[in-house]
PDB file of N, CA and C in Angstrom:
ATOM      1  N   MET A   1      19.188   7.591 -18.367  1.00  0.00           N
ATOM      2  CA  MET A   1      17.905   7.401 -17.716  1.00  0.00           C
ATOM      3  C   MET A   1      17.744   8.449 -16.609  1.00  0.00           C
ATOM      4  N   ALA A   2      16.591   9.048 -16.511  1.00  0.00           N
ATOM      5  CA  ALA A   2      16.341  10.084 -15.509  1.00  0.00           C
ATOM      6  C   ALA A   2      16.286   9.478 -14.112  1.00  0.00           C
ATOM      7  N   LYS A   3      16.848  10.217 -13.171  1.00  0.00           N
ATOM      8  CA  LYS A   3      16.846   9.763 -11.780  1.00  0.00           C
ATOM      9  C   LYS A   3      15.471  10.028 -11.166  1.00  0.00           C
ATOM     10  N   LYS A   4      14.902   9.005 -10.565  1.00  0.00           N
ATOM     11  CA  LYS A   4      13.578   9.146  -9.948  1.00  0.00           C
ATOM     12  C   LYS A   4      13.745   9.804  -8.577  1.00  0.00           C
ATOM     13  N   THR A   5      12.989  10.873  -8.344  1.00  0.00           N
ATOM     14  CA  THR A   5      13.077  11.554  -7.056  1.00  0.00           C
ATOM     15  C   THR A   5      12.097  10.936  -6.075  1.00  0.00           C
ATOM     16  N   LYS A   6      12.506  10.922  -4.834  1.00  0.00           N
ATOM     17  CA  LYS A   6      11.672  10.368  -3.771  1.00  0.00           C
ATOM     18  C   LYS A   6      10.528  11.339  -3.468  1.00  0.00           C
ATOM     19  N   GLN A   7       9.317  10.810  -3.380  1.00  0.00           N
ATOM     20  CA  GLN A   7       8.162  11.650  -3.083  1.00  0.00           C
ATOM     21  C   GLN A   7       8.193  12.053  -1.613  1.00  0.00           C
ATOM     22  N   ARG A   8       8.026  13.340  -1.357  1.00  0.00           N
ATOM     23  CA  ARG A   8       7.955  13.821   0.016  1.00  0.00           C
ATOM     24  C   ARG A   8       6.543  13.613   0.544  1.00  0.00           C
ATOM     25  N   TYR A   9       6.440  13.205   1.787  1.00  0.00           N
ATOM     26  CA  TYR A   9       5.156  12.960   2.451  1.00  0.00           C
ATOM     27  C   TYR A   9       4.316  11.933   1.677  1.00  0.00           C
ATOM     28  N   PRO A  10       4.839  10.730   1.454  1.00  0.00           N
ATOM     29  CA  PRO A  10       4.122   9.746   0.632  1.00  0.00           C
ATOM     30  C   PRO A  10       2.804   9.262   1.230  1.00  0.00           C
ATOM     31  N   HIS A  11       2.645   9.327   2.542  1.00  0.00           N
ATOM     32  CA  HIS A  11       1.419   8.824   3.186  1.00  0.00           C
ATOM     33  C   HIS A  11       0.491   9.959   3.618  1.00  0.00           C
ATOM     34  N   LEU A  12       0.667  11.122   3.043  1.00  0.00           N
ATOM     35  CA  LEU A  12      -0.097  12.298   3.445  1.00  0.00           C
ATOM     36  C   LEU A  12      -1.590  12.160   3.137  1.00  0.00           C
ATOM     37  N   LEU A  13      -1.921  11.729   1.924  1.00  0.00           N
ATOM     38  CA  LEU A  13      -3.329  11.636   1.521  1.00  0.00           C
ATOM     39  C   LEU A  13      -4.088  10.656   2.404  1.00  0.00           C
ATOM     40  N   GLY A  14      -5.199  11.103   2.960  1.00  0.00           N
ATOM     41  CA  GLY A  14      -6.020  10.247   3.811  1.00  0.00           C
ATOM     42  C   GLY A  14      -5.601  10.234   5.267  1.00  0.00           C
ATOM     43  N   SER A  15      -4.461  10.856   5.590  1.00  0.00           N
ATOM     44  CA  SER A  15      -4.010  10.846   6.985  1.00  0.00           C
ATOM     45  C   SER A  15      -4.924  11.717   7.843  1.00  0.00           C
ATOM     46  N   LYS A  16      -4.983  11.388   9.134  1.00  0.00           N
ATOM     47  CA  LYS A  16      -5.875  12.073  10.072  1.00  0.00           C
ATOM     48  C   LYS A  16      -5.037  12.846  11.081  1.00  0.00           C
ATOM     49  N   TRP A  17      -5.528  14.037  11.448  1.00  0.00           N
ATOM     50  CA  TRP A  17      -4.777  14.935  12.316  1.00  0.00           C
ATOM     51  C   TRP A  17      -5.688  15.579  13.346  1.00  0.00           C
ATOM     52  N   THR A  18      -5.120  15.859  14.516  1.00  0.00           N
ATOM     53  CA  THR A  18      -5.822  16.579  15.571  1.00  0.00           C
ATOM     54  C   THR A  18      -5.078  17.878  15.837  1.00  0.00           C
ATOM     55  N   ALA A  19      -5.798  18.989  15.770  1.00  0.00           N
ATOM     56  CA  ALA A  19      -5.211  20.291  16.084  1.00  0.00           C
ATOM     57  C   ALA A  19      -5.137  20.438  17.601  1.00  0.00           C
ATOM     58  N   THR A  20      -4.026  20.974  18.106  1.00  0.00           N
ATOM     59  CA  THR A  20      -3.890  21.154  19.550  1.00  0.00           C
ATOM     60  C   THR A  20      -4.795  22.283  20.047  1.00  0.00           C
ATOM     61  N   GLN A  21      -5.148  23.217  19.173  1.00  0.00           N
ATOM     62  CA  GLN A  21      -6.100  24.287  19.469  1.00  0.00           C
ATOM     63  C   GLN A  21      -7.205  24.217  18.417  1.00  0.00           C
ATOM     64  N   LYS A  22      -8.394  24.661  18.769  1.00  0.00           N
ATOM     65  CA  LYS A  22      -9.475  24.658  17.781  1.00  0.00           C
ATOM     66  C   LYS A  22      -9.052  25.455  16.553  1.00  0.00           C
ATOM     67  N   THR A  23      -9.301  24.879  15.391  1.00  0.00           N
ATOM     68  CA  THR A  23      -8.965  25.506  14.118  1.00  0.00           C
ATOM     69  C   THR A  23     -10.240  25.578  13.299  1.00  0.00           C
ATOM     70  N   TRP A  24     -10.675  26.787  12.986  1.00  0.00           N
ATOM     71  CA  TRP A  24     -11.944  26.997  12.295  1.00  0.00           C
ATOM     72  C   TRP A  24     -13.093  26.347  13.074  1.00  0.00           C
ATOM     73  N   GLY A  25     -12.948  26.280  14.397  1.00  0.00           N
ATOM     74  CA  GLY A  25     -13.995  25.743  15.261  1.00  0.00           C
ATOM     75  C   GLY A  25     -13.926  24.246  15.490  1.00  0.00           C
ATOM     76  N   TRP A  26     -12.937  23.560  14.907  1.00  0.00           N
ATOM     77  CA  TRP A  26     -12.844  22.106  15.009  1.00  0.00           C
ATOM     78  C   TRP A  26     -11.428  21.666  15.350  1.00  0.00           C
ATOM     79  N   ARG A  27     -11.292  20.412  15.763  1.00  0.00           N
ATOM     80  CA  ARG A  27      -9.976  19.853  16.089  1.00  0.00           C
ATOM     81  C   ARG A  27      -9.570  18.690  15.191  1.00  0.00           C
ATOM     82  N   HIS A  28     -10.520  17.938  14.679  1.00  0.00           N
ATOM     83  CA  HIS A  28     -10.200  16.721  13.919  1.00  0.00           C
ATOM     84  C   HIS A  28     -10.335  16.956  12.417  1.00  0.00           C
ATOM     85  N   PHE A  29      -9.258  16.602  11.699  1.00  0.00           N
ATOM     86  CA  PHE A  29      -9.191  16.849  10.263  1.00  0.00           C
ATOM     87  C   PHE A  29      -8.604  15.648   9.538  1.00  0.00           C
ATOM     88  N   GLN A  30      -8.905  15.569   8.241  1.00  0.00           N
ATOM     89  CA  GLN A  30      -8.338  14.533   7.388  1.00  0.00           C
ATOM     90  C   GLN A  30      -7.799  15.202   6.124  1.00  0.00           C
ATOM     91  N   VAL A  31      -6.667  14.710   5.633  1.00  0.00           N
ATOM     92  CA  VAL A  31      -6.074  15.244   4.404  1.00  0.00           C
ATOM     93  C   VAL A  31      -6.823  14.652   3.214  1.00  0.00           C
ATOM     94  N   MET A  32      -7.470  15.519   2.435  1.00  0.00           N
ATOM     95  CA  MET A  32      -8.265  15.065   1.295  1.00  0.00           C
ATOM     96  C   MET A  32      -7.537  15.259  -0.038  1.00  0.00           C
ATOM     97  N   ASN A  33      -6.631  16.233  -0.114  1.00  0.00           N
ATOM     98  CA  ASN A  33      -5.879  16.499  -1.343  1.00  0.00           C
ATOM     99  C   ASN A  33      -4.469  16.926  -0.982  1.00  0.00           C
ATOM    100  N   ARG A  34      -3.569  16.753  -1.937  1.00  0.00           N
ATOM    101  CA  ARG A  34      -2.211  17.266  -1.774  1.00  0.00           C
ATOM    102  C   ARG A  34      -1.829  17.990  -3.051  1.00  0.00           C
ATOM    103  N   ARG A  35      -0.927  18.956  -2.911  1.00  0.00           N
ATOM    104  CA  ARG A  35      -0.490  19.727  -4.073  1.00  0.00           C
ATOM    105  C   ARG A  35       1.008  19.992  -3.923  1.00  0.00           C
ATOM    106  N   ASN A  36       1.757  19.719  -4.967  1.00  0.00           N
ATOM    107  CA  ASN A  36       3.187  20.019  -4.989  1.00  0.00           C
ATOM    108  C   ASN A  36       3.378  21.318  -5.753  1.00  0.00           C
ATOM    109  N   GLU A  37       4.094  22.251  -5.141  1.00  0.00           N
ATOM    110  CA  GLU A  37       4.428  23.509  -5.812  1.00  0.00           C
ATOM    111  C   GLU A  37       5.912  23.747  -5.610  1.00  0.00           C
ATOM    112  N   GLY A  38       6.694  23.349  -6.604  1.00  0.00           N
ATOM    113  CA  GLY A  38       8.143  23.461  -6.477  1.00  0.00           C
ATOM    114  C   GLY A  38       8.629  22.579  -5.349  1.00  0.00           C
ATOM    115  N   LYS A  39       9.363  23.172  -4.420  1.00  0.00           N
ATOM    116  CA  LYS A  39       9.876  22.383  -3.294  1.00  0.00           C
ATOM    117  C   LYS A  39       8.867  22.262  -2.151  1.00  0.00           C
ATOM    118  N   TRP A  40       7.714  22.869  -2.284  1.00  0.00           N
ATOM    119  CA  TRP A  40       6.703  22.859  -1.224  1.00  0.00           C
ATOM    120  C   TRP A  40       5.639  21.804  -1.485  1.00  0.00           C
ATOM    121  N   VAL A  41       5.130  21.231  -0.403  1.00  0.00           N
ATOM    122  CA  VAL A  41       4.012  20.283  -0.473  1.00  0.00           C
ATOM    123  C   VAL A  41       2.897  20.858   0.392  1.00  0.00           C
ATOM    124  N   PHE A  42       1.702  20.945  -0.153  1.00  0.00           N
ATOM    125  CA  PHE A  42       0.555  21.467   0.577  1.00  0.00           C
ATOM    126  C   PHE A  42      -0.489  20.374   0.747  1.00  0.00           C
ATOM    127  N   ALA A  43      -1.196  20.426   1.871  1.00  0.00           N
ATOM    128  CA  ALA A  43      -2.253  19.461   2.170  1.00  0.00           C
ATOM    129  C   ALA A  43      -3.561  20.217   2.362  1.00  0.00           C
ATOM    130  N   GLU A  44      -4.635  19.686   1.784  1.00  0.00           N
ATOM    131  CA  GLU A  44      -5.958  20.259   2.027  1.00  0.00           C
ATOM    132  C   GLU A  44      -6.579  19.474   3.171  1.00  0.00           C
ATOM    133  N   LEU A  45      -6.811  20.160   4.285  1.00  0.00           N
ATOM    134  CA  LEU A  45      -7.425  19.540   5.453  1.00  0.00           C
ATOM    135  C   LEU A  45      -8.915  19.822   5.448  1.00  0.00           C
ATOM    136  N   VAL A  46      -9.689  18.787   5.763  1.00  0.00           N
ATOM    137  CA  VAL A  46     -11.146  18.899   5.831  1.00  0.00           C
ATOM    138  C   VAL A  46     -11.581  18.430   7.209  1.00  0.00           C
ATOM    139  N   SER A  47     -12.437  19.203   7.862  1.00  0.00           N
ATOM    140  CA  SER A  47     -12.933  18.832   9.186  1.00  0.00           C
ATOM    141  C   SER A  47     -13.734  17.540   9.098  1.00  0.00           C
ATOM    142  N   SER A  48     -13.512  16.659  10.061  1.00  0.00           N
ATOM    143  CA  SER A  48     -14.253  15.390  10.066  1.00  0.00           C
ATOM    144  C   SER A  48     -15.717  15.597  10.441  1.00  0.00           C
ATOM    145  N   CYS A  49     -16.029  16.696  11.124  1.00  0.00           N
ATOM    146  CA  CYS A  49     -17.405  16.960  11.560  1.00  0.00           C
ATOM    147  C   CYS A  49     -18.159  17.904  10.631  1.00  0.00           C
ATOM    148  N   ASP A  50     -17.434  18.660   9.820  1.00  0.00           N
ATOM    149  CA  ASP A  50     -18.065  19.632   8.932  1.00  0.00           C
ATOM    150  C   ASP A  50     -17.295  19.678   7.612  1.00  0.00           C
ATOM    151  N   PRO A  51     -17.736  18.921   6.607  1.00  0.00           N
ATOM    152  CA  PRO A  51     -16.997  18.868   5.342  1.00  0.00           C
ATOM    153  C   PRO A  51     -16.908  20.207   4.610  1.00  0.00           C
ATOM    154  N   ASP A  52     -17.691  21.196   5.028  1.00  0.00           N
ATOM    155  CA  ASP A  52     -17.588  22.522   4.419  1.00  0.00           C
ATOM    156  C   ASP A  52     -16.397  23.302   4.967  1.00  0.00           C
ATOM    157  N   THR A  53     -15.828  22.835   6.079  1.00  0.00           N
ATOM    158  CA  THR A  53     -14.658  23.486   6.665  1.00  0.00           C
ATOM    159  C   THR A  53     -13.421  22.816   6.093  1.00  0.00           C
ATOM    160  N   ARG A  54     -12.750  23.534   5.196  1.00  0.00           N
ATOM    161  CA  ARG A  54     -11.560  22.997   4.540  1.00  0.00           C
ATOM    162  C   ARG A  54     -10.582  24.129   4.281  1.00  0.00           C
ATOM    163  N   PHE A  55      -9.300  23.807   4.351  1.00  0.00           N
ATOM    164  CA  PHE A  55      -8.258  24.805   4.112  1.00  0.00           C
ATOM    165  C   PHE A  55      -6.966  24.102   3.712  1.00  0.00           C
ATOM    166  N   TRP A  56      -6.086  24.867   3.071  1.00  0.00           N
ATOM    167  CA  TRP A  56      -4.785  24.353   2.645  1.00  0.00           C
ATOM    168  C   TRP A  56      -3.731  24.773   3.660  1.00  0.00           C
ATOM    169  N   ILE A  57      -2.768  23.883   3.903  1.00  0.00           N
ATOM    170  CA  ILE A  57      -1.693  24.146   4.854  1.00  0.00           C
ATOM    171  C   ILE A  57      -0.402  23.557   4.284  1.00  0.00           C
ATOM    172  N   ASN A  58       0.712  24.190   4.590  1.00  0.00           N
ATOM    173  CA  ASN A  58       2.003  23.623   4.209  1.00  0.00           C
ATOM    174  C   ASN A  58       2.175  22.331   4.996  1.00  0.00           C
ATOM    175  N   ALA A  59       2.413  21.225   4.315  1.00  0.00           N
ATOM    176  CA  ALA A  59       2.495  19.915   4.977  1.00  0.00           C
ATOM    177  C   ALA A  59       3.577  19.883   6.048  1.00  0.00           C
ATOM    178  N   LYS A  60       4.592  20.704   5.905  1.00  0.00           N
ATOM    179  CA  LYS A  60       5.672  20.752   6.900  1.00  0.00           C
ATOM    180  C   LYS A  60       5.135  21.176   8.267  1.00  0.00           C
ATOM    181  N   GLN A  61       4.087  21.993   8.292  1.00  0.00           N
ATOM    182  CA  GLN A  61       3.501  22.447   9.558  1.00  0.00           C
ATOM    183  C   GLN A  61       2.885  21.296  10.344  1.00  0.00           C
ATOM    184  N   LEU A  62       2.481  20.229   9.668  1.00  0.00           N
ATOM    185  CA  LEU A  62       1.884  19.091  10.366  1.00  0.00           C
ATOM    186  C   LEU A  62       2.896  18.380  11.263  1.00  0.00           C
ATOM    187  N   LYS A  63       4.168  18.623  11.051  1.00  0.00           N
ATOM    188  CA  LYS A  63       5.210  18.028  11.896  1.00  0.00           C
ATOM    189  C   LYS A  63       5.406  18.803  13.199  1.00  0.00           C
ATOM    190  N   ASP A  64       4.793  19.984  13.302  1.00  0.00           N
ATOM    191  CA  ASP A  64       4.922  20.818  14.505  1.00  0.00           C
ATOM    192  C   ASP A  64       4.016  20.261  15.600  1.00  0.00           C
ATOM    193  N   LYS A  65       4.613  19.614  16.601  1.00  0.00           N
ATOM    194  CA  LYS A  65       3.852  18.956  17.681  1.00  0.00           C
ATOM    195  C   LYS A  65       3.094  19.963  18.552  1.00  0.00           C
ATOM    196  N   ASP A  66       3.478  21.241  18.502  1.00  0.00           N
ATOM    197  CA  ASP A  66       2.744  22.261  19.257  1.00  0.00           C
ATOM    198  C   ASP A  66       1.428  22.621  18.577  1.00  0.00           C
ATOM    199  N   MET A  67       1.306  22.282  17.289  1.00  0.00           N
ATOM    200  CA  MET A  67       0.101  22.627  16.534  1.00  0.00           C
ATOM    201  C   MET A  67      -0.743  21.416  16.151  1.00  0.00           C
ATOM    202  N   TRP A  68      -0.094  20.280  15.840  1.00  0.00           N
ATOM    203  CA  TRP A  68      -0.798  19.118  15.300  1.00  0.00           C
ATOM    204  C   TRP A  68      -0.298  17.825  15.916  1.00  0.00           C
ATOM    205  N   GLU A  69      -1.212  16.859  16.056  1.00  0.00           N
ATOM    206  CA  GLU A  69      -0.858  15.500  16.467  1.00  0.00           C
ATOM    207  C   GLU A  69      -1.423  14.547  15.424  1.00  0.00           C
ATOM    208  N   ALA A  70      -0.625  13.556  15.068  1.00  0.00           N
ATOM    209  CA  ALA A  70      -1.070  12.573  14.080  1.00  0.00           C
ATOM    210  C   ALA A  70      -2.185  11.719  14.670  1.00  0.00           C
ATOM    211  N   GLY A  71      -3.185  11.417  13.863  1.00  0.00           N
ATOM    212  CA  GLY A  71      -4.327  10.628  14.322  1.00  0.00           C
ATOM    213  C   GLY A  71      -5.375  11.512  14.965  1.00  0.00           C
ATOM    214  N   TRP A  72      -6.501  10.907  15.278  1.00  0.00           N
ATOM    215  CA  TRP A  72      -7.556  11.631  15.975  1.00  0.00           C
ATOM    216  C   TRP A  72      -7.433  11.318  17.448  1.00  0.00           C
ATOM    217  N   LYS A  73      -7.190  12.345  18.253  1.00  0.00           N
ATOM    218  CA  LYS A  73      -6.971  12.194  19.691  1.00  0.00           C
ATOM    219  C   LYS A  73      -8.065  12.923  20.454  1.00  0.00           C
ATOM    220  N   THR A  74      -8.363  12.409  21.652  1.00  0.00           N
ATOM    221  CA  THR A  74      -9.278  13.117  22.547  1.00  0.00           C
ATOM    222  C   THR A  74      -8.462  14.148  23.317  1.00  0.00           C
ATOM    223  N   LEU A  75      -9.145  15.116  23.923  1.00  0.00           N
ATOM    224  CA  LEU A  75      -8.445  16.097  24.754  1.00  0.00           C
ATOM    225  C   LEU A  75      -7.722  15.405  25.898  1.00  0.00           C
ATOM    226  N   GLU A  76      -8.353  14.372  26.440  1.00  0.00           N
ATOM    227  CA  GLU A  76      -7.747  13.622  27.541  1.00  0.00           C
ATOM    228  C   GLU A  76      -6.429  12.983  27.094  1.00  0.00           C
ATOM    229  N   GLU A  77      -6.426  12.389  25.915  1.00  0.00           N
ATOM    230  CA  GLU A  77      -5.199  11.775  25.393  1.00  0.00           C
ATOM    231  C   GLU A  77      -4.112  12.821  25.150  1.00  0.00           C
ATOM    232  N   MET A  78      -4.507  13.984  24.680  1.00  0.00           N
ATOM    233  CA  MET A  78      -3.533  15.027  24.378  1.00  0.00           C
ATOM    234  C   MET A  78      -2.940  15.642  25.639  1.00  0.00           C
ATOM    235  N   ASN A  79      -3.724  15.693  26.712  1.00  0.00           N
ATOM    236  CA  ASN A  79      -3.265  16.347  27.938  1.00  0.00           C
ATOM    237  C   ASN A  79      -2.623  15.398  28.934  1.00  0.00           C
ATOM    238  N   SER A  80      -2.685  14.098  28.674  1.00  0.00           N
ATOM    239  CA  SER A  80      -2.133  13.136  29.625  1.00  0.00           C
ATOM    240  C   SER A  80      -0.636  12.946  29.390  1.00  0.00           C
ATOM    241  N   GLU A  81       0.016  12.432  30.421  1.00  0.00           N
ATOM    242  CA  GLU A  81       1.434  12.106  30.315  1.00  0.00           C
ATOM    243  C   GLU A  81       1.581  10.919  29.371  1.00  0.00           C
ATOM    244  N   PRO A  82       2.645  10.877  28.582  1.00  0.00           N
ATOM    245  CA  PRO A  82       2.841   9.706  27.730  1.00  0.00           C
ATOM    246  C   PRO A  82       3.049   8.464  28.585  1.00  0.00           C
ATOM    247  N   GLU A  83       2.445   7.370  28.149  1.00  0.00           N
ATOM    248  CA  GLU A  83       2.556   6.127  28.912  1.00  0.00           C
ATOM    249  C   GLU A  83       3.970   5.580  28.824  1.00  0.00           C
ATOM    250  N   VAL A  84       4.488   5.171  29.980  1.00  0.00           N
ATOM    251  CA  VAL A  84       5.801   4.544  30.035  1.00  0.00           C
ATOM    252  C   VAL A  84       5.574   3.041  30.087  1.00  0.00           C
ATOM    253  N   PRO A  85       6.168   2.287  29.160  1.00  0.00           N
ATOM    254  CA  PRO A  85       5.989   0.831  29.204  1.00  0.00           C
ATOM    255  C   PRO A  85       6.437   0.274  30.550  1.00  0.00           C
ATOM    256  N   PHE A  86       5.751  -0.773  31.027  1.00  0.00           N
ATOM    257  CA  PHE A  86       6.009  -1.310  32.361  1.00  0.00           C
ATOM    258  C   PHE A  86       7.462  -1.736  32.537  1.00  0.00           C
ATOM    259  N   TRP A  87       8.133  -2.145  31.462  1.00  0.00           N
ATOM    260  CA  TRP A  87       9.512  -2.608  31.599  1.00  0.00           C
ATOM    261  C   TRP A  87      10.503  -1.448  31.736  1.00  0.00           C
ATOM    262  N   GLN A  88      10.024  -0.199  31.554  1.00  0.00           N
ATOM    263  CA  GLN A  88      10.905   0.956  31.712  1.00  0.00           C
ATOM    264  C   GLN A  88      10.645   1.701  33.013  1.00  0.00           C
ATOM    265  N   GLU A  89       9.717   1.215  33.822  1.00  0.00           N
ATOM    266  CA  GLU A  89       9.392   1.898  35.082  1.00  0.00           C
ATOM    267  C   GLU A  89      10.480   1.697  36.098  1.00  0.00           C
TER     268      GLU A  89
END
């Protein structure tokens, strides 16, 4: 029986991302398609404000915190200090 391989980035489709710098004039994107090419996984990002703005990116780049943050964040959220839970103060 063939060994089933684990899918890389299983929750990629439909995920939402915020670029730390404007990308193609926008910051908020959603993954609309994914493509596997050998050992690489690519994600098609589409701007939430302009569906004509779309591009492919290596999904591994989405893990780079200097370039992308998971979810849709405001500039204020991105620039603020991370909240410390009250029990750790």
